[in-house]
Each structure stands twice: as structure tokens, then as C-alpha cells.
Amino acid sequence: MNFRDSPLYSKIKRLTGAGPIDVARAMRIINDYTIAFFSQYLLMQPQGLLEGPSSQYPEVHFEVWQPLPK
């Protein structure tokens, strides 16, 4: 539910379905990674944030998806 803005509308966290992370911090993380993604893949501007774990956002866990060989 942190990917939605509904956690911003209630001070009672359990009613929003948000995870354990602070709502404002979750929004900052989502925004920064989204901007980095589009900057890298649409504007062709390399983004260090997408290279792996970041000390700025230790909550973010990277997983690499590899398609199965055909």
C-alpha cells in the first residue's frame, strides 16, 4: 500500500494498509527511484541509484531478474 497515496490521508497507520516504514520516507524513496529509472531508460542518463544498494536508502533491497533461457 506504500505505492499509493492513501497512507498520507490518515494518521492512523493501521487503517491505511501501509508498511512499517514512515509514510513520508516511503514516498521519497518511491519518487527518487522512479525518477532515476525514467532518467536512465528514457533520457539515457546513467543513474548511480540504480546500480545497487544505496547507503542513502538502506531499506531498499535489490533483486536481479534473469529471464529463463529458451
PDB file of N, CA and C in Angstrom:
ATOM      1  N   MET A   1       0.817  -1.197   0.000  1.00  0.00           N
ATOM      2  CA  MET A   1       0.000   0.000   0.000  1.00  0.00           C
ATOM      3  C   MET A   1       0.861   1.260   0.000  1.00  0.00           C
ATOM      4  N   ASN A   2       2.161   1.133   0.251  1.00  0.00           N
ATOM      5  CA  ASN A   2       3.018   2.317   0.240  1.00  0.00           C
ATOM      6  C   ASN A   2       3.144   2.921  -1.151  1.00  0.00           C
ATOM      7  N   PHE A   3       2.793   2.188  -2.187  1.00  0.00           N
ATOM      8  CA  PHE A   3       2.865   2.733  -3.541  1.00  0.00           C
ATOM      9  C   PHE A   3       1.659   3.618  -3.866  1.00  0.00           C
ATOM     10  N   ARG A   4       0.720   3.684  -2.972  1.00  0.00           N
ATOM     11  CA  ARG A   4      -0.457   4.535  -3.152  1.00  0.00           C
ATOM     12  C   ARG A   4      -0.303   5.753  -2.246  1.00  0.00           C
ATOM     13  N   ASP A   5      -1.111   6.764  -2.468  1.00  0.00           N
ATOM     14  CA  ASP A   5      -1.036   7.940  -1.608  1.00  0.00           C
ATOM     15  C   ASP A   5      -2.001   7.867  -0.427  1.00  0.00           C
ATOM     16  N   SER A   6      -2.761   6.796  -0.301  1.00  0.00           N
ATOM     17  CA  SER A   6      -3.723   6.684   0.798  1.00  0.00           C
ATOM     18  C   SER A   6      -3.080   6.767   2.185  1.00  0.00           C
ATOM     19  N   PRO A   7      -1.840   6.275   2.388  1.00  0.00           N
ATOM     20  CA  PRO A   7      -1.238   6.426   3.712  1.00  0.00           C
ATOM     21  C   PRO A   7      -1.026   7.890   4.130  1.00  0.00           C
ATOM     22  N   LEU A   8      -1.035   8.789   3.192  1.00  0.00           N
ATOM     23  CA  LEU A   8      -0.857  10.208   3.517  1.00  0.00           C
ATOM     24  C   LEU A   8      -2.108  10.825   4.118  1.00  0.00           C
ATOM     25  N   TYR A   9      -3.246  10.175   3.966  1.00  0.00           N
ATOM     26  CA  TYR A   9      -4.520  10.774   4.364  1.00  0.00           C
ATOM     27  C   TYR A   9      -4.993  10.420   5.763  1.00  0.00           C
ATOM     28  N   SER A  10      -4.313   9.510   6.436  1.00  0.00           N
ATOM     29  CA  SER A  10      -4.758   9.121   7.768  1.00  0.00           C
ATOM     30  C   SER A  10      -3.563   9.039   8.705  1.00  0.00           C
ATOM     31  N   LYS A  11      -3.711   9.567   9.891  1.00  0.00           N
ATOM     32  CA  LYS A  11      -2.660   9.462  10.907  1.00  0.00           C
ATOM     33  C   LYS A  11      -2.686   8.086  11.576  1.00  0.00           C
ATOM     34  N   ILE A  12      -3.772   7.347  11.375  1.00  0.00           N
ATOM     35  CA  ILE A  12      -3.895   6.016  11.962  1.00  0.00           C
ATOM     36  C   ILE A  12      -3.378   5.012  10.935  1.00  0.00           C
ATOM     37  N   LYS A  13      -2.113   4.666  11.064  1.00  0.00           N
ATOM     38  CA  LYS A  13      -1.416   3.876  10.062  1.00  0.00           C
ATOM     39  C   LYS A  13      -2.092   2.536   9.769  1.00  0.00           C
ATOM     40  N   ARG A  14      -2.625   1.896  10.787  1.00  0.00           N
ATOM     41  CA  ARG A  14      -3.222   0.568  10.558  1.00  0.00           C
ATOM     42  C   ARG A  14      -4.435   0.635   9.649  1.00  0.00           C
ATOM     43  N   LEU A  15      -5.059   1.797   9.512  1.00  0.00           N
ATOM     44  CA  LEU A  15      -6.216   1.939   8.632  1.00  0.00           C
ATOM     45  C   LEU A  15      -5.817   2.130   7.170  1.00  0.00           C
ATOM     46  N   THR A  16      -4.560   2.441   6.929  1.00  0.00           N
ATOM     47  CA  THR A  16      -4.118   2.727   5.562  1.00  0.00           C
ATOM     48  C   THR A  16      -3.558   1.505   4.842  1.00  0.00           C
ATOM     49  N   GLY A  17      -3.149   0.497   5.595  1.00  0.00           N
ATOM     50  CA  GLY A  17      -2.533  -0.674   4.972  1.00  0.00           C
ATOM     51  C   GLY A  17      -1.074  -0.462   4.635  1.00  0.00           C
ATOM     52  N   ALA A  18      -0.490   0.659   5.087  1.00  0.00           N
ATOM     53  CA  ALA A  18       0.912   0.956   4.799  1.00  0.00           C
ATOM     54  C   ALA A  18       1.817   0.012   5.573  1.00  0.00           C
ATOM     55  N   GLY A  19       3.019  -0.140   5.071  1.00  0.00           N
ATOM     56  CA  GLY A  19       4.001  -0.978   5.732  1.00  0.00           C
ATOM     57  C   GLY A  19       4.630  -0.273   6.921  1.00  0.00           C
ATOM     58  N   PRO A  20       5.677  -0.868   7.498  1.00  0.00           N
ATOM     59  CA  PRO A  20       6.266  -0.341   8.720  1.00  0.00           C
ATOM     60  C   PRO A  20       7.095   0.936   8.519  1.00  0.00           C
ATOM     61  N   ILE A  21       7.449   1.253   7.304  1.00  0.00           N
ATOM     62  CA  ILE A  21       8.285   2.421   7.034  1.00  0.00           C
ATOM     63  C   ILE A  21       7.464   3.704   7.175  1.00  0.00           C
ATOM     64  N   ASP A  22       8.119   4.783   7.605  1.00  0.00           N
ATOM     65  CA  ASP A  22       7.461   6.084   7.697  1.00  0.00           C
ATOM     66  C   ASP A  22       6.896   6.463   6.325  1.00  0.00           C
ATOM     67  N   VAL A  23       5.685   6.961   6.299  1.00  0.00           N
ATOM     68  CA  VAL A  23       4.989   7.245   5.040  1.00  0.00           C
ATOM     69  C   VAL A  23       5.751   8.264   4.189  1.00  0.00           C
ATOM     70  N   ALA A  24       6.220   9.334   4.799  1.00  0.00           N
ATOM     71  CA  ALA A  24       6.951  10.362   4.034  1.00  0.00           C
ATOM     72  C   ALA A  24       8.245   9.786   3.465  1.00  0.00           C
ATOM     73  N   ARG A  25       8.920   8.943   4.234  1.00  0.00           N
ATOM     74  CA  ARG A  25      10.163   8.325   3.742  1.00  0.00           C
ATOM     75  C   ARG A  25       9.854   7.382   2.588  1.00  0.00           C
ATOM     76  N   ALA A  26       8.801   6.608   2.697  1.00  0.00           N
ATOM     77  CA  ALA A  26       8.424   5.700   1.610  1.00  0.00           C
ATOM     78  C   ALA A  26       8.142   6.481   0.335  1.00  0.00           C
ATOM     79  N   MET A  27       7.441   7.589   0.450  1.00  0.00           N
ATOM     80  CA  MET A  27       7.145   8.416  -0.730  1.00  0.00           C
ATOM     81  C   MET A  27       8.426   8.970  -1.355  1.00  0.00           C
ATOM     82  N   ARG A  28       9.371   9.398  -0.522  1.00  0.00           N
ATOM     83  CA  ARG A  28      10.649   9.921  -1.024  1.00  0.00           C
ATOM     84  C   ARG A  28      11.405   8.837  -1.780  1.00  0.00           C
ATOM     85  N   ILE A  29      11.456   7.634  -1.213  1.00  0.00           N
ATOM     86  CA  ILE A  29      12.158   6.524  -1.854  1.00  0.00           C
ATOM     87  C   ILE A  29      11.510   6.183  -3.192  1.00  0.00           C
ATOM     88  N   ILE A  30      10.191   6.053  -3.203  1.00  0.00           N
ATOM     89  CA  ILE A  30       9.474   5.723  -4.437  1.00  0.00           C
ATOM     90  C   ILE A  30       9.707   6.790  -5.495  1.00  0.00           C
ATOM     91  N   ASN A  31       9.611   8.047  -5.114  1.00  0.00           N
ATOM     92  CA  ASN A  31       9.819   9.143  -6.070  1.00  0.00           C
ATOM     93  C   ASN A  31      11.240   9.146  -6.620  1.00  0.00           C
ATOM     94  N   ASP A  32      12.236   9.013  -5.740  1.00  0.00           N
ATOM     95  CA  ASP A  32      13.627   9.058  -6.201  1.00  0.00           C
ATOM     96  C   ASP A  32      13.961   7.907  -7.141  1.00  0.00           C
ATOM     97  N   TYR A  33      13.490   6.705  -6.822  1.00  0.00           N
ATOM     98  CA  TYR A  33      13.777   5.564  -7.699  1.00  0.00           C
ATOM     99  C   TYR A  33      12.998   5.649  -9.013  1.00  0.00           C
ATOM    100  N   THR A  34      11.799   6.167  -8.969  1.00  0.00           N
ATOM    101  CA  THR A  34      11.023   6.326 -10.207  1.00  0.00           C
ATOM    102  C   THR A  34      11.678   7.334 -11.130  1.00  0.00           C
ATOM    103  N   ILE A  35      12.095   8.463 -10.589  1.00  0.00           N
ATOM    104  CA  ILE A  35      12.768   9.486 -11.393  1.00  0.00           C
ATOM    105  C   ILE A  35      14.079   8.941 -11.948  1.00  0.00           C
ATOM    106  N   ALA A  36      14.839   8.215 -11.120  1.00  0.00           N
ATOM    107  CA  ALA A  36      16.098   7.633 -11.583  1.00  0.00           C
ATOM    108  C   ALA A  36      15.853   6.643 -12.718  1.00  0.00           C
ATOM    109  N   PHE A  37      14.823   5.816 -12.584  1.00  0.00           N
ATOM    110  CA  PHE A  37      14.518   4.832 -13.621  1.00  0.00           C
ATOM    111  C   PHE A  37      14.211   5.513 -14.955  1.00  0.00           C
ATOM    112  N   PHE A  38      13.310   6.490 -14.943  1.00  0.00           N
ATOM    113  CA  PHE A  38      12.946   7.145 -16.197  1.00  0.00           C
ATOM    114  C   PHE A  38      14.084   7.985 -16.759  1.00  0.00           C
ATOM    115  N   SER A  39      14.884   8.589 -15.905  1.00  0.00           N
ATOM    116  CA  SER A  39      16.040   9.345 -16.386  1.00  0.00           C
ATOM    117  C   SER A  39      17.034   8.431 -17.090  1.00  0.00           C
ATOM    118  N   GLN A  40      17.228   7.249 -16.523  1.00  0.00           N
ATOM    119  CA  GLN A  40      18.191   6.324 -17.119  1.00  0.00           C
ATOM    120  C   GLN A  40      17.679   5.704 -18.413  1.00  0.00           C
ATOM    121  N   TYR A  41      16.433   5.267 -18.423  1.00  0.00           N
ATOM    122  CA  TYR A  41      15.958   4.498 -19.570  1.00  0.00           C
ATOM    123  C   TYR A  41      15.224   5.305 -20.630  1.00  0.00           C
ATOM    124  N   LEU A  42      14.774   6.497 -20.315  1.00  0.00           N
ATOM    125  CA  LEU A  42      14.147   7.337 -21.333  1.00  0.00           C
ATOM    126  C   LEU A  42      15.068   8.459 -21.788  1.00  0.00           C
ATOM    127  N   LEU A  43      15.807   9.038 -20.845  1.00  0.00           N
ATOM    128  CA  LEU A  43      16.696  10.150 -21.179  1.00  0.00           C
ATOM    129  C   LEU A  43      18.139   9.695 -21.401  1.00  0.00           C
ATOM    130  N   MET A  44      18.381   8.412 -21.172  1.00  0.00           N
ATOM    131  CA  MET A  44      19.711   7.810 -21.338  1.00  0.00           C
ATOM    132  C   MET A  44      20.768   8.507 -20.478  1.00  0.00           C
ATOM    133  N   GLN A  45      20.388   8.871 -19.263  1.00  0.00           N
ATOM    134  CA  GLN A  45      21.301   9.483 -18.300  1.00  0.00           C
ATOM    135  C   GLN A  45      21.561   8.461 -17.199  1.00  0.00           C
ATOM    136  N   PRO A  46      22.777   7.905 -17.134  1.00  0.00           N
ATOM    137  CA  PRO A  46      23.073   6.886 -16.118  1.00  0.00           C
ATOM    138  C   PRO A  46      22.760   7.398 -14.707  1.00  0.00           C
ATOM    139  N   GLN A  47      22.187   6.519 -13.895  1.00  0.00           N
ATOM    140  CA  GLN A  47      21.788   6.865 -12.539  1.00  0.00           C
ATOM    141  C   GLN A  47      22.441   5.903 -11.553  1.00  0.00           C
ATOM    142  N   GLY A  48      23.320   6.413 -10.730  1.00  0.00           N
ATOM    143  CA  GLY A  48      24.011   5.593  -9.742  1.00  0.00           C
ATOM    144  C   GLY A  48      23.063   4.916  -8.765  1.00  0.00           C
ATOM    145  N   LEU A  49      21.931   5.535  -8.520  1.00  0.00           N
ATOM    146  CA  LEU A  49      20.960   4.984  -7.583  1.00  0.00           C
ATOM    147  C   LEU A  49      20.473   3.601  -8.021  1.00  0.00           C
ATOM    148  N   LEU A  50      20.507   3.342  -9.323  1.00  0.00           N
ATOM    149  CA  LEU A  50      20.007   2.069  -9.849  1.00  0.00           C
ATOM    150  C   LEU A  50      21.081   0.992  -9.960  1.00  0.00           C
ATOM    151  N   GLU A  51      22.300   1.317  -9.568  1.00  0.00           N
ATOM    152  CA  GLU A  51      23.398   0.356  -9.717  1.00  0.00           C
ATOM    153  C   GLU A  51      23.440  -0.700  -8.627  1.00  0.00           C
ATOM    154  N   GLY A  52      22.772  -0.452  -7.514  1.00  0.00           N
ATOM    155  CA  GLY A  52      22.780  -1.416  -6.424  1.00  0.00           C
ATOM    156  C   GLY A  52      22.396  -0.751  -5.127  1.00  0.00           C
ATOM    157  N   PRO A  53      22.632  -1.438  -4.022  1.00  0.00           N
ATOM    158  CA  PRO A  53      22.250  -0.885  -2.718  1.00  0.00           C
ATOM    159  C   PRO A  53      22.847   0.504  -2.498  1.00  0.00           C
ATOM    160  N   SER A  54      22.085   1.339  -1.812  1.00  0.00           N
ATOM    161  CA  SER A  54      22.486   2.717  -1.559  1.00  0.00           C
ATOM    162  C   SER A  54      22.501   2.981  -0.053  1.00  0.00           C
ATOM    163  N   SER A  55      23.549   3.644   0.417  1.00  0.00           N
ATOM    164  CA  SER A  55      23.600   3.999   1.841  1.00  0.00           C
ATOM    165  C   SER A  55      22.528   5.037   2.170  1.00  0.00           C
ATOM    166  N   GLN A  56      22.078   5.751   1.156  1.00  0.00           N
ATOM    167  CA  GLN A  56      21.020   6.746   1.340  1.00  0.00           C
ATOM    168  C   GLN A  56      19.683   6.073   1.657  1.00  0.00           C
ATOM    169  N   TYR A  57      19.461   4.885   1.082  1.00  0.00           N
ATOM    170  CA  TYR A  57      18.210   4.165   1.267  1.00  0.00           C
ATOM    171  C   TYR A  57      18.489   2.710   1.656  1.00  0.00           C
ATOM    172  N   PRO A  58      18.911   2.451   2.895  1.00  0.00           N
ATOM    173  CA  PRO A  58      19.221   1.069   3.284  1.00  0.00           C
ATOM    174  C   PRO A  58      17.996   0.160   3.329  1.00  0.00           C
ATOM    175  N   GLU A  59      16.794   0.753   3.279  1.00  0.00           N
ATOM    176  CA  GLU A  59      15.569  -0.050   3.298  1.00  0.00           C
ATOM    177  C   GLU A  59      15.321  -0.768   1.977  1.00  0.00           C
ATOM    178  N   VAL A  60      15.947  -0.281   0.914  1.00  0.00           N
ATOM    179  CA  VAL A  60      15.702  -0.820  -0.431  1.00  0.00           C
ATOM    180  C   VAL A  60      16.542  -2.072  -0.649  1.00  0.00           C
ATOM    181  N   HIS A  61      15.881  -3.109  -1.096  1.00  0.00           N
ATOM    182  CA  HIS A  61      16.529  -4.389  -1.381  1.00  0.00           C
ATOM    183  C   HIS A  61      16.491  -4.610  -2.890  1.00  0.00           C
ATOM    184  N   PHE A  62      17.649  -4.869  -3.471  1.00  0.00           N
ATOM    185  CA  PHE A  62      17.732  -5.098  -4.908  1.00  0.00           C
ATOM    186  C   PHE A  62      17.660  -6.584  -5.220  1.00  0.00           C
ATOM    187  N   GLU A  63      16.884  -6.932  -6.224  1.00  0.00           N
ATOM    188  CA  GLU A  63      16.855  -8.282  -6.767  1.00  0.00           C
ATOM    189  C   GLU A  63      16.991  -8.165  -8.269  1.00  0.00           C
ATOM    190  N   VAL A  64      17.812  -9.004  -8.828  1.00  0.00           N
ATOM    191  CA  VAL A  64      18.018  -9.001 -10.276  1.00  0.00           C
ATOM    192  C   VAL A  64      17.203 -10.127 -10.883  1.00  0.00           C
ATOM    193  N   TRP A  65      16.378  -9.773 -11.836  1.00  0.00           N
ATOM    194  CA  TRP A  65      15.564 -10.770 -12.512  1.00  0.00           C
ATOM    195  C   TRP A  65      16.252 -11.174 -13.798  1.00  0.00           C
ATOM    196  N   GLN A  66      16.412 -12.468 -13.983  1.00  0.00           N
ATOM    197  CA  GLN A  66      17.008 -13.005 -15.206  1.00  0.00           C
ATOM    198  C   GLN A  66      15.956 -13.886 -15.872  1.00  0.00           C
ATOM    199  N   PRO A  67      15.638 -13.604 -17.138  1.00  0.00           N
ATOM    200  CA  PRO A  67      14.673 -14.483 -17.815  1.00  0.00           C
ATOM    201  C   PRO A  67      15.248 -15.890 -17.971  1.00  0.00           C
ATOM    202  N   LEU A  68      14.374 -16.853 -17.959  1.00  0.00           N
ATOM    203  CA  LEU A  68      14.796 -18.235 -18.167  1.00  0.00           C
ATOM    204  C   LEU A  68      15.268 -18.414 -19.598  1.00  0.00           C
ATOM    205  N   PRO A  69      16.326 -19.198 -19.801  1.00  0.00           N
ATOM    206  CA  PRO A  69      16.785 -19.456 -21.180  1.00  0.00           C
ATOM    207  C   PRO A  69      15.716 -20.191 -21.966  1.00  0.00           C
ATOM    208  N   LYS A  70      15.655 -19.904 -23.228  1.00  0.00           N
ATOM    209  CA  LYS A  70      14.671 -20.564 -24.100  1.00  0.00           C
ATOM    210  C   LYS A  70      15.163 -21.888 -24.584  1.00  0.00           C
TER     211      LYS A  70
END
